[in-house]
Amino acid sequence: MNRTAVLIVLETALLAFLALNVWAVMGNGLVPLFEQALATDGGILLTADLLIALTMVATWTYRDAKERGANAWGWVVATYATGSIAPLIYLIRRTWRDRHAPVTRPVRAAA
């Protein structure tokens, strides 16, 4: 898949997820969402699974951002504060920058 298609998929996912967030918070408020998530064994399981998944994503984002000279800890904090929103934004920015970066070729040593 080329970078333009990747950007379209990521941006669509971000917009859809942001709309879902707005809809859920407007309908219930933020505090009841957390109360409901922890009210049942299934909700606790899903919350634990989400935290494990966010930790894996935050670890990858930290390493990748650090390699690219970005604010690695800022992305980790944003991931835990916003859930999947921050990693989606990070991937969009990363893909956009890669798409617009000049192509560099590795220098080969003379044989």
Foldseek 3Di string as FASTA:
>chain_A
DDLVVVLVVLVVVLVVVVVVVVVVCVVPNDVVVVVVLPVDPVSVVVVVVLVVVLVVLLVVQLVVCVVVVHPSVVLNVVCVVPPCNSSSVVVNVVSVCVVPDDDDDDDDDDD
